Amino acid sequence: MKDPIFFDGLNRIRQKELNSVFRLAKRCNYETKHSHLVTKLSLQFFDGVKESGIQKADSRFYLLCAGILHDIGVHTEGHKKHHKTALKIILSSTILQISHKERYLIGSIARYHRKALPSTNHDHFAVLNNSERILTAQLAGILRTCDGLDYDHRNRVTEIRVEDIQDNIQIFCVTAYKKINKEIRSARKKSYLFSMTFNKEIEFIPKYT
C-alpha cells in the first residue's frame, strides 16, 4: 500500500508522476517495506541537511522517486547488478510519466545507491550538466547512507533525526532493538559519498525507544 506521507505537499502533476512511479515499482515486484523505509529515512535526512543548494521541491521529489525505485532491478536480474538494472528500467519504462531529463536524474540517483561512485565515464551521468551531476551525487549520497541503515531489510531503524552542525552531522537512529551496531556500521561505510560531496562528517547515534 502506498504511504500517503509521500504525496504530502505535491501538486497534481507531481502526484500523477509519483503514481506512475508506484505502478512501475509494483510491476517490478518491489519490496515495499524496505523501499518505503529507505525512502522515508532519506527524506528525513534531506529535510535535516541545512545545505541550501538542495532544499528545493524538485530535488526532494527526485530523491523520493529514486528511493521507491532503487531496488526494482532485484526481481529482474537478482541482487548482484540490480542497481544497474534499476537504471535501465527507469530510462526505458513506458509506465513512468516522467520527462526524459528527469528520468536520467532519478535513474542515476537510484543507480548510485550502491557500488561505483558517480563518474562521467558512465553515459547516463555524462549527459547531465554540471549542476545536475552535483545534485545527483548529493542525493545519491543521502540514499546510499539510508540504504545502509536497512542493509538487511529488517527495518530495525524506524526513523532518523538529523542535527546539522557546521562540518558535522549527527544522525540519531530511532530503534526499538537493543543493538543496531551492524546497521550503523553499514551506514557509516556507505556514507562516504555524502561526506565527500558535502564535506561533512557523519556521526550515527542510536536512540532507543
N, C-alpha and C. Protein backbone atom coordinates (compact mmCIF):
# COMPACT_ATOMS: atom_id res chain seq x y z
N MET A 1 0.85 -1.21 0.00
CA MET A 1 0.00 0.00 0.00
C MET A 1 0.88 1.25 0.00
N LYS A 2 0.54 2.23 -0.82
CA LYS A 2 1.31 3.46 -0.90
C LYS A 2 1.15 4.27 0.38
N ASP A 3 2.27 4.78 0.88
CA ASP A 3 2.24 5.59 2.09
C ASP A 3 1.82 7.01 1.72
N PRO A 4 0.72 7.51 2.27
CA PRO A 4 0.24 8.84 1.89
C PRO A 4 1.21 9.96 2.23
N ILE A 5 2.15 9.73 3.14
CA ILE A 5 3.08 10.81 3.51
C ILE A 5 3.95 11.20 2.32
N PHE A 6 4.14 10.30 1.37
CA PHE A 6 4.97 10.62 0.23
C PHE A 6 4.29 11.62 -0.71
N PHE A 7 2.98 11.73 -0.63
CA PHE A 7 2.24 12.62 -1.52
C PHE A 7 2.01 14.01 -0.92
N ASP A 8 2.30 14.16 0.37
CA ASP A 8 2.08 15.45 1.04
C ASP A 8 2.88 16.56 0.36
N GLY A 9 2.22 17.65 0.06
CA GLY A 9 2.90 18.82 -0.49
C GLY A 9 3.13 18.79 -1.98
N LEU A 10 2.75 17.71 -2.65
CA LEU A 10 2.96 17.62 -4.09
C LEU A 10 1.76 18.20 -4.85
N ASN A 11 2.03 18.90 -5.93
CA ASN A 11 0.93 19.38 -6.76
C ASN A 11 0.36 18.22 -7.59
N ARG A 12 -0.68 18.50 -8.34
CA ARG A 12 -1.38 17.43 -9.06
C ARG A 12 -0.48 16.75 -10.08
N ILE A 13 0.35 17.52 -10.74
CA ILE A 13 1.23 16.94 -11.76
C ILE A 13 2.22 15.98 -11.11
N ARG A 14 2.84 16.43 -10.01
CA ARG A 14 3.80 15.57 -9.32
C ARG A 14 3.10 14.34 -8.71
N GLN A 15 1.89 14.49 -8.22
CA GLN A 15 1.15 13.34 -7.70
C GLN A 15 0.91 12.31 -8.80
N LYS A 16 0.58 12.79 -9.98
CA LYS A 16 0.36 11.90 -11.12
C LYS A 16 1.65 11.18 -11.48
N GLU A 17 2.74 11.90 -11.48
CA GLU A 17 4.04 11.30 -11.78
C GLU A 17 4.42 10.27 -10.72
N LEU A 18 4.17 10.61 -9.46
CA LEU A 18 4.51 9.67 -8.39
C LEU A 18 3.64 8.43 -8.45
N ASN A 19 2.39 8.58 -8.83
CA ASN A 19 1.53 7.41 -9.01
C ASN A 19 2.13 6.46 -10.05
N SER A 20 2.70 7.02 -11.11
CA SER A 20 3.32 6.17 -12.13
C SER A 20 4.57 5.49 -11.59
N VAL A 21 5.27 6.14 -10.67
CA VAL A 21 6.44 5.53 -10.01
C VAL A 21 6.01 4.30 -9.22
N PHE A 22 4.93 4.43 -8.47
CA PHE A 22 4.44 3.30 -7.69
C PHE A 22 3.92 2.17 -8.58
N ARG A 23 3.32 2.53 -9.71
CA ARG A 23 2.86 1.50 -10.64
C ARG A 23 4.04 0.70 -11.19
N LEU A 24 5.10 1.41 -11.54
CA LEU A 24 6.29 0.73 -12.04
C LEU A 24 6.91 -0.15 -10.95
N ALA A 25 7.01 0.39 -9.74
CA ALA A 25 7.58 -0.38 -8.63
C ALA A 25 6.78 -1.66 -8.39
N LYS A 26 5.48 -1.53 -8.42
CA LYS A 26 4.62 -2.70 -8.22
C LYS A 26 4.79 -3.70 -9.35
N ARG A 27 4.91 -3.21 -10.58
CA ARG A 27 5.10 -4.10 -11.72
C ARG A 27 6.40 -4.90 -11.57
N CYS A 28 7.37 -4.29 -10.93
CA CYS A 28 8.67 -4.94 -10.73
C CYS A 28 8.74 -5.72 -9.41
N ASN A 29 7.59 -5.87 -8.76
CA ASN A 29 7.52 -6.63 -7.50
C ASN A 29 8.52 -6.13 -6.46
N TYR A 30 8.55 -4.81 -6.29
CA TYR A 30 9.49 -4.23 -5.33
C TYR A 30 9.16 -4.64 -3.90
N GLU A 31 10.17 -4.61 -3.05
CA GLU A 31 9.99 -4.95 -1.64
C GLU A 31 9.47 -3.70 -0.92
N THR A 32 8.20 -3.69 -0.65
CA THR A 32 7.52 -2.49 -0.18
C THR A 32 8.10 -1.94 1.12
N LYS A 33 8.21 -2.78 2.13
CA LYS A 33 8.64 -2.28 3.45
C LYS A 33 10.03 -1.66 3.40
N HIS A 34 10.95 -2.36 2.77
CA HIS A 34 12.32 -1.84 2.69
C HIS A 34 12.37 -0.55 1.88
N SER A 35 11.77 -0.56 0.72
CA SER A 35 11.83 0.61 -0.16
C SER A 35 11.16 1.83 0.48
N HIS A 36 10.03 1.62 1.13
CA HIS A 36 9.34 2.74 1.77
C HIS A 36 10.13 3.26 2.96
N LEU A 37 10.74 2.36 3.73
CA LEU A 37 11.52 2.80 4.89
C LEU A 37 12.75 3.59 4.44
N VAL A 38 13.48 3.07 3.48
CA VAL A 38 14.67 3.77 2.99
C VAL A 38 14.30 5.13 2.42
N THR A 39 13.18 5.19 1.73
CA THR A 39 12.71 6.46 1.19
C THR A 39 12.36 7.43 2.31
N LYS A 40 11.66 6.96 3.32
CA LYS A 40 11.30 7.82 4.45
C LYS A 40 12.54 8.34 5.16
N LEU A 41 13.49 7.47 5.42
CA LEU A 41 14.74 7.88 6.08
C LEU A 41 15.49 8.88 5.22
N SER A 42 15.51 8.65 3.92
CA SER A 42 16.21 9.56 3.01
C SER A 42 15.59 10.96 3.01
N LEU A 43 14.26 11.02 3.04
CA LEU A 43 13.59 12.32 3.08
C LEU A 43 13.83 13.01 4.41
N GLN A 44 13.87 12.25 5.49
CA GLN A 44 14.17 12.83 6.80
C GLN A 44 15.59 13.38 6.82
N PHE A 45 16.51 12.65 6.20
CA PHE A 45 17.89 13.11 6.08
C PHE A 45 17.94 14.40 5.25
N PHE A 46 17.31 14.37 4.10
CA PHE A 46 17.26 15.53 3.20
C PHE A 46 16.73 16.76 3.94
N ASP A 47 15.63 16.60 4.65
CA ASP A 47 15.00 17.72 5.34
C ASP A 47 15.86 18.26 6.47
N GLY A 48 16.75 17.42 7.01
CA GLY A 48 17.59 17.84 8.13
C GLY A 48 18.88 18.50 7.73
N VAL A 49 19.27 18.38 6.46
CA VAL A 49 20.51 18.98 5.99
C VAL A 49 20.30 20.45 5.69
N LYS A 50 21.17 21.29 6.17
CA LYS A 50 21.00 22.73 6.02
C LYS A 50 21.62 23.28 4.75
N GLU A 51 22.12 22.41 3.90
CA GLU A 51 22.73 22.84 2.65
C GLU A 51 21.65 23.41 1.73
N SER A 52 21.62 24.74 1.61
CA SER A 52 20.53 25.40 0.89
C SER A 52 20.48 25.01 -0.58
N GLY A 53 21.61 24.56 -1.13
CA GLY A 53 21.66 24.23 -2.54
C GLY A 53 20.74 23.09 -2.95
N ILE A 54 20.33 22.24 -2.00
CA ILE A 54 19.46 21.12 -2.38
C ILE A 54 18.06 21.25 -1.78
N GLN A 55 17.81 22.32 -1.05
CA GLN A 55 16.50 22.46 -0.43
C GLN A 55 15.48 23.00 -1.44
N LYS A 56 15.19 22.19 -2.42
CA LYS A 56 14.23 22.55 -3.45
C LYS A 56 13.23 21.42 -3.62
N ALA A 57 12.01 21.79 -3.96
CA ALA A 57 10.95 20.79 -4.09
C ALA A 57 11.29 19.74 -5.14
N ASP A 58 11.86 20.16 -6.27
CA ASP A 58 12.19 19.20 -7.33
C ASP A 58 13.23 18.20 -6.85
N SER A 59 14.25 18.67 -6.13
CA SER A 59 15.30 17.79 -5.63
C SER A 59 14.71 16.75 -4.69
N ARG A 60 13.84 17.17 -3.82
CA ARG A 60 13.21 16.24 -2.87
C ARG A 60 12.38 15.21 -3.62
N PHE A 61 11.72 15.63 -4.68
CA PHE A 61 10.90 14.72 -5.47
C PHE A 61 11.78 13.68 -6.17
N TYR A 62 12.93 14.10 -6.70
CA TYR A 62 13.84 13.14 -7.34
C TYR A 62 14.30 12.09 -6.34
N LEU A 63 14.63 12.53 -5.14
CA LEU A 63 15.07 11.60 -4.10
C LEU A 63 13.95 10.64 -3.73
N LEU A 64 12.74 11.15 -3.63
CA LEU A 64 11.57 10.33 -3.31
C LEU A 64 11.39 9.24 -4.36
N CYS A 65 11.42 9.61 -5.62
CA CYS A 65 11.23 8.63 -6.69
C CYS A 65 12.36 7.61 -6.72
N ALA A 66 13.58 8.07 -6.57
CA ALA A 66 14.72 7.16 -6.59
C ALA A 66 14.67 6.19 -5.42
N GLY A 67 14.19 6.67 -4.27
CA GLY A 67 14.07 5.79 -3.11
C GLY A 67 13.08 4.66 -3.36
N ILE A 68 11.94 4.99 -3.92
CA ILE A 68 10.93 3.97 -4.20
C ILE A 68 11.45 2.96 -5.23
N LEU A 69 12.23 3.44 -6.19
CA LEU A 69 12.64 2.60 -7.32
C LEU A 69 14.03 1.98 -7.19
N HIS A 70 14.76 2.27 -6.13
CA HIS A 70 16.18 1.90 -6.11
C HIS A 70 16.44 0.40 -6.20
N ASP A 71 15.51 -0.43 -5.76
CA ASP A 71 15.72 -1.88 -5.78
C ASP A 71 14.86 -2.63 -6.81
N ILE A 72 14.28 -1.92 -7.77
CA ILE A 72 13.36 -2.60 -8.69
C ILE A 72 14.07 -3.58 -9.62
N GLY A 73 15.38 -3.52 -9.69
CA GLY A 73 16.11 -4.44 -10.54
C GLY A 73 16.33 -5.81 -9.93
N VAL A 74 16.05 -5.96 -8.63
CA VAL A 74 16.30 -7.23 -7.95
C VAL A 74 15.48 -8.36 -8.54
N HIS A 75 14.21 -8.12 -8.76
CA HIS A 75 13.32 -9.17 -9.25
C HIS A 75 13.69 -9.61 -10.67
N THR A 76 14.19 -8.65 -11.46
CA THR A 76 14.51 -8.95 -12.86
C THR A 76 15.86 -9.63 -13.02
N GLU A 77 16.90 -9.10 -12.35
CA GLU A 77 18.26 -9.58 -12.58
C GLU A 77 18.92 -10.18 -11.34
N GLY A 78 18.24 -10.17 -10.21
CA GLY A 78 18.88 -10.62 -8.99
C GLY A 78 19.63 -9.49 -8.31
N HIS A 79 20.23 -9.78 -7.18
CA HIS A 79 20.82 -8.72 -6.35
C HIS A 79 22.11 -8.17 -6.90
N LYS A 80 22.91 -8.96 -7.57
CA LYS A 80 24.28 -8.58 -7.92
C LYS A 80 24.38 -7.27 -8.67
N LYS A 81 23.59 -7.08 -9.71
CA LYS A 81 23.67 -5.87 -10.53
C LYS A 81 22.34 -5.12 -10.56
N HIS A 82 21.59 -5.22 -9.47
CA HIS A 82 20.24 -4.66 -9.50
C HIS A 82 20.24 -3.14 -9.61
N HIS A 83 21.31 -2.48 -9.16
CA HIS A 83 21.38 -1.02 -9.26
C HIS A 83 21.46 -0.57 -10.71
N LYS A 84 22.22 -1.32 -11.53
CA LYS A 84 22.32 -1.00 -12.95
C LYS A 84 21.02 -1.33 -13.68
N THR A 85 20.39 -2.43 -13.26
CA THR A 85 19.13 -2.82 -13.88
C THR A 85 18.04 -1.80 -13.57
N ALA A 86 18.03 -1.28 -12.33
CA ALA A 86 17.06 -0.25 -11.96
C ALA A 86 17.17 0.95 -12.88
N LEU A 87 18.40 1.37 -13.17
CA LEU A 87 18.61 2.49 -14.08
C LEU A 87 18.03 2.19 -15.46
N LYS A 88 18.30 1.02 -15.98
CA LYS A 88 17.80 0.65 -17.31
C LYS A 88 16.28 0.68 -17.35
N ILE A 89 15.67 0.15 -16.30
CA ILE A 89 14.20 0.12 -16.27
C ILE A 89 13.64 1.53 -16.21
N ILE A 90 14.22 2.38 -15.38
CA ILE A 90 13.74 3.76 -15.23
C ILE A 90 13.85 4.52 -16.56
N LEU A 91 14.93 4.31 -17.28
CA LEU A 91 15.14 5.03 -18.54
C LEU A 91 14.23 4.52 -19.66
N SER A 92 13.84 3.27 -19.60
CA SER A 92 13.10 2.68 -20.73
C SER A 92 11.63 2.42 -20.48
N SER A 93 11.18 2.50 -19.24
CA SER A 93 9.81 2.13 -18.91
C SER A 93 8.77 3.01 -19.60
N THR A 94 7.74 2.37 -20.11
CA THR A 94 6.62 3.11 -20.70
C THR A 94 5.57 3.45 -19.64
N ILE A 95 5.75 2.93 -18.44
CA ILE A 95 4.80 3.20 -17.36
C ILE A 95 5.05 4.56 -16.73
N LEU A 96 6.32 4.93 -16.60
CA LEU A 96 6.68 6.19 -15.95
C LEU A 96 6.19 7.40 -16.75
N GLN A 97 5.50 8.28 -16.09
CA GLN A 97 5.05 9.52 -16.71
C GLN A 97 5.95 10.66 -16.24
N ILE A 98 7.22 10.51 -16.54
CA ILE A 98 8.25 11.46 -16.11
C ILE A 98 9.08 11.84 -17.31
N SER A 99 9.52 13.09 -17.37
CA SER A 99 10.25 13.59 -18.53
C SER A 99 11.57 12.86 -18.74
N HIS A 100 12.07 12.96 -19.96
CA HIS A 100 13.33 12.30 -20.34
C HIS A 100 14.47 12.76 -19.43
N LYS A 101 14.62 14.05 -19.23
CA LYS A 101 15.70 14.59 -18.40
C LYS A 101 15.59 14.11 -16.96
N GLU A 102 14.38 14.14 -16.41
CA GLU A 102 14.22 13.74 -15.01
C GLU A 102 14.41 12.24 -14.81
N ARG A 103 14.17 11.45 -15.84
CA ARG A 103 14.48 10.02 -15.77
C ARG A 103 15.97 9.80 -15.55
N TYR A 104 16.80 10.60 -16.24
CA TYR A 104 18.24 10.47 -16.09
C TYR A 104 18.68 10.85 -14.68
N LEU A 105 18.07 11.88 -14.12
CA LEU A 105 18.39 12.28 -12.75
C LEU A 105 17.97 11.21 -11.75
N ILE A 106 16.72 10.80 -11.83
CA ILE A 106 16.19 9.80 -10.89
C ILE A 106 16.90 8.46 -11.07
N GLY A 107 17.09 8.07 -12.32
CA GLY A 107 17.76 6.81 -12.60
C GLY A 107 19.19 6.79 -12.10
N SER A 108 19.89 7.89 -12.25
CA SER A 108 21.28 7.96 -11.78
C SER A 108 21.36 7.92 -10.26
N ILE A 109 20.44 8.60 -9.60
CA ILE A 109 20.41 8.56 -8.13
C ILE A 109 20.18 7.13 -7.64
N ALA A 110 19.23 6.44 -8.28
CA ALA A 110 18.95 5.06 -7.91
C ALA A 110 20.14 4.16 -8.21
N ARG A 111 20.77 4.35 -9.34
CA ARG A 111 21.91 3.52 -9.74
C ARG A 111 23.06 3.65 -8.75
N TYR A 112 23.29 4.85 -8.23
CA TYR A 112 24.43 5.08 -7.35
C TYR A 112 24.11 4.83 -5.87
N HIS A 113 23.03 4.12 -5.58
CA HIS A 113 22.77 3.80 -4.17
C HIS A 113 23.71 2.71 -3.66
N ARG A 114 24.50 2.11 -4.55
CA ARG A 114 25.47 1.09 -4.16
C ARG A 114 26.59 1.03 -5.19
N LYS A 115 27.68 0.39 -4.79
CA LYS A 115 28.83 0.13 -5.66
C LYS A 115 29.50 1.41 -6.14
N ALA A 116 29.71 1.56 -7.46
CA ALA A 116 30.53 2.63 -8.02
C ALA A 116 30.00 4.02 -7.67
N LEU A 117 30.94 4.95 -7.55
CA LEU A 117 30.59 6.35 -7.33
C LEU A 117 30.27 7.02 -8.66
N PRO A 118 29.58 8.15 -8.64
CA PRO A 118 29.27 8.86 -9.88
C PRO A 118 30.52 9.14 -10.70
N SER A 119 30.42 8.95 -12.01
CA SER A 119 31.57 9.14 -12.89
C SER A 119 31.09 9.53 -14.29
N THR A 120 31.81 10.45 -14.92
CA THR A 120 31.48 10.84 -16.28
C THR A 120 31.83 9.75 -17.28
N ASN A 121 32.46 8.68 -16.81
CA ASN A 121 32.68 7.51 -17.67
C ASN A 121 31.38 6.74 -17.89
N HIS A 122 30.36 7.04 -17.07
CA HIS A 122 29.05 6.42 -17.21
C HIS A 122 28.18 7.33 -18.08
N ASP A 123 27.66 6.80 -19.17
CA ASP A 123 26.92 7.61 -20.13
C ASP A 123 25.75 8.36 -19.52
N HIS A 124 25.01 7.70 -18.64
CA HIS A 124 23.82 8.32 -18.06
C HIS A 124 24.17 9.50 -17.17
N PHE A 125 25.38 9.49 -16.61
CA PHE A 125 25.84 10.60 -15.76
C PHE A 125 26.48 11.70 -16.61
N ALA A 126 27.16 11.29 -17.67
CA ALA A 126 27.84 12.25 -18.54
C ALA A 126 26.88 13.19 -19.25
N VAL A 127 25.65 12.73 -19.53
CA VAL A 127 24.70 13.57 -20.26
C VAL A 127 24.15 14.70 -19.39
N LEU A 128 24.33 14.61 -18.08
CA LEU A 128 23.85 15.66 -17.19
C LEU A 128 24.80 16.84 -17.21
N ASN A 129 24.26 18.04 -16.97
CA ASN A 129 25.16 19.19 -16.86
C ASN A 129 25.81 19.22 -15.47
N ASN A 130 26.70 20.15 -15.25
CA ASN A 130 27.49 20.14 -14.02
C ASN A 130 26.64 20.25 -12.77
N SER A 131 25.66 21.15 -12.77
CA SER A 131 24.82 21.32 -11.58
C SER A 131 23.98 20.07 -11.33
N GLU A 132 23.55 19.42 -12.40
CA GLU A 132 22.77 18.19 -12.27
C GLU A 132 23.63 17.04 -11.74
N ARG A 133 24.90 17.01 -12.14
CA ARG A 133 25.81 15.99 -11.62
C ARG A 133 26.04 16.17 -10.13
N ILE A 134 26.22 17.41 -9.71
CA ILE A 134 26.41 17.69 -8.29
C ILE A 134 25.17 17.27 -7.50
N LEU A 135 24.00 17.63 -8.01
CA LEU A 135 22.75 17.27 -7.35
C LEU A 135 22.60 15.75 -7.26
N THR A 136 22.90 15.06 -8.35
CA THR A 136 22.80 13.60 -8.36
C THR A 136 23.70 12.99 -7.30
N ALA A 137 24.94 13.47 -7.20
CA ALA A 137 25.87 12.94 -6.21
C ALA A 137 25.38 13.21 -4.79
N GLN A 138 24.83 14.40 -4.57
CA GLN A 138 24.31 14.74 -3.25
C GLN A 138 23.16 13.82 -2.84
N LEU A 139 22.21 13.67 -3.73
CA LEU A 139 21.03 12.87 -3.40
C LEU A 139 21.37 11.39 -3.33
N ALA A 140 22.25 10.93 -4.21
CA ALA A 140 22.69 9.53 -4.14
C ALA A 140 23.43 9.26 -2.84
N GLY A 141 24.18 10.25 -2.36
CA GLY A 141 24.87 10.10 -1.08
C GLY A 141 23.91 9.92 0.08
N ILE A 142 22.81 10.64 0.03
CA ILE A 142 21.78 10.50 1.06
C ILE A 142 21.11 9.14 0.97
N LEU A 143 20.70 8.75 -0.24
CA LEU A 143 20.03 7.47 -0.45
C LEU A 143 20.94 6.31 -0.07
N ARG A 144 22.18 6.38 -0.45
CA ARG A 144 23.14 5.31 -0.17
C ARG A 144 23.32 5.12 1.34
N THR A 145 23.42 6.23 2.05
CA THR A 145 23.59 6.16 3.50
C THR A 145 22.38 5.53 4.17
N CYS A 146 21.20 5.95 3.77
CA CYS A 146 19.97 5.44 4.39
C CYS A 146 19.70 3.99 4.01
N ASP A 147 20.11 3.60 2.83
CA ASP A 147 20.01 2.19 2.45
C ASP A 147 20.88 1.34 3.37
N GLY A 148 22.01 1.89 3.78
CA GLY A 148 22.87 1.19 4.72
C GLY A 148 22.22 0.96 6.07
N LEU A 149 21.36 1.88 6.48
CA LEU A 149 20.67 1.73 7.77
C LEU A 149 19.66 0.60 7.76
N ASP A 150 19.30 0.11 6.58
CA ASP A 150 18.41 -1.04 6.48
C ASP A 150 19.06 -2.09 5.59
N TYR A 151 20.35 -2.32 5.83
CA TYR A 151 21.16 -3.16 4.96
C TYR A 151 20.63 -4.59 4.83
N ASP A 152 19.99 -5.11 5.91
CA ASP A 152 19.48 -6.48 5.88
C ASP A 152 17.97 -6.55 5.71
N HIS A 153 17.35 -5.40 5.44
CA HIS A 153 15.91 -5.31 5.17
C HIS A 153 15.07 -5.78 6.36
N ARG A 154 15.55 -5.54 7.56
CA ARG A 154 14.82 -5.97 8.75
C ARG A 154 14.14 -4.81 9.47
N ASN A 155 14.26 -3.62 8.93
CA ASN A 155 13.52 -2.43 9.42
C ASN A 155 13.80 -2.13 10.90
N ARG A 156 15.03 -2.27 11.31
CA ARG A 156 15.38 -2.03 12.72
C ARG A 156 15.44 -0.55 13.06
N VAL A 157 15.89 0.27 12.13
CA VAL A 157 15.89 1.72 12.33
C VAL A 157 14.62 2.27 11.71
N THR A 158 13.73 2.80 12.53
CA THR A 158 12.41 3.19 12.03
C THR A 158 12.31 4.65 11.61
N GLU A 159 13.21 5.48 12.11
CA GLU A 159 13.25 6.88 11.70
C GLU A 159 14.59 7.47 12.12
N ILE A 160 14.92 8.63 11.56
CA ILE A 160 16.14 9.31 11.97
C ILE A 160 15.84 10.78 12.25
N ARG A 161 16.65 11.33 13.12
CA ARG A 161 16.58 12.76 13.43
C ARG A 161 17.95 13.35 13.20
N VAL A 162 18.00 14.44 12.47
CA VAL A 162 19.27 14.97 11.98
C VAL A 162 19.60 16.31 12.64
N GLU A 163 20.84 16.41 13.11
CA GLU A 163 21.38 17.66 13.63
C GLU A 163 22.56 18.05 12.75
N ASP A 164 22.42 19.13 12.00
CA ASP A 164 23.46 19.60 11.10
C ASP A 164 24.19 20.76 11.76
N ILE A 165 25.41 20.50 12.22
CA ILE A 165 26.18 21.49 12.96
C ILE A 165 27.50 21.73 12.25
N GLN A 166 27.58 22.78 11.48
CA GLN A 166 28.77 23.16 10.74
C GLN A 166 29.31 22.00 9.90
N ASP A 167 30.49 21.48 10.24
CA ASP A 167 31.10 20.43 9.43
C ASP A 167 30.73 19.03 9.90
N ASN A 168 29.83 18.93 10.82
CA ASN A 168 29.47 17.64 11.39
C ASN A 168 27.95 17.45 11.36
N ILE A 169 27.54 16.24 11.02
CA ILE A 169 26.12 15.90 11.04
C ILE A 169 25.92 14.74 12.00
N GLN A 170 25.01 14.91 12.93
CA GLN A 170 24.66 13.83 13.85
C GLN A 170 23.33 13.23 13.39
N ILE A 171 23.30 11.92 13.22
CA ILE A 171 22.08 11.23 12.84
C ILE A 171 21.66 10.33 13.99
N PHE A 172 20.55 10.66 14.61
CA PHE A 172 20.01 9.87 15.71
C PHE A 172 19.10 8.81 15.12
N CYS A 173 19.47 7.56 15.32
CA CYS A 173 18.78 6.43 14.70
C CYS A 173 17.79 5.82 15.69
N VAL A 174 16.52 6.04 15.46
CA VAL A 174 15.48 5.59 16.38
C VAL A 174 15.22 4.10 16.16
N THR A 175 15.26 3.33 17.26
CA THR A 175 15.08 1.90 17.16
C THR A 175 14.50 1.33 18.45
N ALA A 176 13.78 0.23 18.32
CA ALA A 176 13.25 -0.48 19.48
C ALA A 176 14.14 -1.67 19.84
N TYR A 177 15.20 -1.89 19.08
CA TYR A 177 16.10 -3.02 19.31
C TYR A 177 17.25 -2.61 20.24
N LYS A 178 17.81 -3.59 20.92
CA LYS A 178 18.88 -3.31 21.87
C LYS A 178 20.18 -2.92 21.18
N LYS A 179 20.42 -3.50 20.02
CA LYS A 179 21.65 -3.20 19.30
C LYS A 179 21.37 -2.99 17.82
N ILE A 180 21.99 -1.95 17.28
CA ILE A 180 21.92 -1.72 15.84
C ILE A 180 23.34 -1.45 15.32
N ASN A 181 24.30 -2.14 15.91
CA ASN A 181 25.70 -1.94 15.54
C ASN A 181 25.95 -2.21 14.06
N LYS A 182 25.34 -3.27 13.54
CA LYS A 182 25.56 -3.63 12.14
C LYS A 182 24.94 -2.60 11.20
N GLU A 183 23.79 -2.10 11.59
CA GLU A 183 23.14 -1.08 10.76
C GLU A 183 24.00 0.19 10.71
N ILE A 184 24.51 0.59 11.85
CA ILE A 184 25.34 1.79 11.90
C ILE A 184 26.65 1.57 11.16
N ARG A 185 27.22 0.39 11.30
CA ARG A 185 28.47 0.09 10.59
C ARG A 185 28.26 0.15 9.08
N SER A 186 27.14 -0.40 8.62
CA SER A 186 26.84 -0.38 7.20
C SER A 186 26.60 1.04 6.69
N ALA A 187 25.84 1.81 7.44
CA ALA A 187 25.54 3.19 7.05
C ALA A 187 26.82 4.03 7.04
N ARG A 188 27.67 3.82 8.02
CA ARG A 188 28.94 4.57 8.07
C ARG A 188 29.79 4.27 6.85
N LYS A 189 29.84 3.00 6.47
CA LYS A 189 30.61 2.60 5.30
C LYS A 189 30.05 3.21 4.03
N LYS A 190 28.73 3.28 3.94
CA LYS A 190 28.08 3.78 2.73
C LYS A 190 27.92 5.31 2.72
N SER A 191 28.33 5.97 3.79
CA SER A 191 28.16 7.43 3.88
C SER A 191 29.29 8.20 3.21
N TYR A 192 30.26 7.48 2.63
CA TYR A 192 31.43 8.15 2.05
C TYR A 192 31.04 9.15 0.97
N LEU A 193 30.12 8.77 0.09
CA LEU A 193 29.72 9.67 -0.99
C LEU A 193 29.12 10.95 -0.43
N PHE A 194 28.28 10.83 0.58
CA PHE A 194 27.70 12.03 1.19
C PHE A 194 28.78 12.91 1.79
N SER A 195 29.67 12.33 2.58
CA SER A 195 30.73 13.11 3.23
C SER A 195 31.62 13.79 2.20
N MET A 196 31.93 13.09 1.13
CA MET A 196 32.77 13.64 0.08
C MET A 196 32.08 14.80 -0.63
N THR A 197 30.78 14.65 -0.89
CA THR A 197 30.04 15.66 -1.64
C THR A 197 29.76 16.91 -0.82
N PHE A 198 29.44 16.72 0.46
CA PHE A 198 29.08 17.85 1.32
C PHE A 198 30.23 18.35 2.18
N ASN A 199 31.33 17.59 2.19
CA ASN A 199 32.46 17.92 3.05
C ASN A 199 32.03 18.00 4.51
N LYS A 200 31.25 17.01 4.94
CA LYS A 200 30.77 16.93 6.30
C LYS A 200 30.97 15.51 6.83
N GLU A 201 31.36 15.38 8.08
CA GLU A 201 31.48 14.08 8.72
C GLU A 201 30.15 13.70 9.36
N ILE A 202 29.85 12.42 9.35
CA ILE A 202 28.58 11.95 9.92
C ILE A 202 28.84 11.11 11.16
N GLU A 203 28.09 11.38 12.20
CA GLU A 203 28.13 10.58 13.42
C GLU A 203 26.75 9.93 13.60
N PHE A 204 26.73 8.62 13.73
CA PHE A 204 25.49 7.88 13.90
C PHE A 204 25.32 7.54 15.38
N ILE A 205 24.16 7.92 15.94
CA ILE A 205 23.92 7.74 17.36
C ILE A 205 22.61 6.97 17.56
N PRO A 206 22.66 5.79 18.20
CA PRO A 206 21.43 5.04 18.46
C PRO A 206 20.53 5.81 19.42
N LYS A 207 19.24 5.77 19.16
CA LYS A 207 18.26 6.37 20.07
C LYS A 207 17.22 5.31 20.33
N TYR A 208 17.27 4.71 21.53
CA TYR A 208 16.44 3.56 21.84
C TYR A 208 15.08 4.01 22.38
N THR A 209 14.04 3.29 21.99
CA THR A 209 12.69 3.62 22.43
C THR A 209 12.14 2.51 23.31
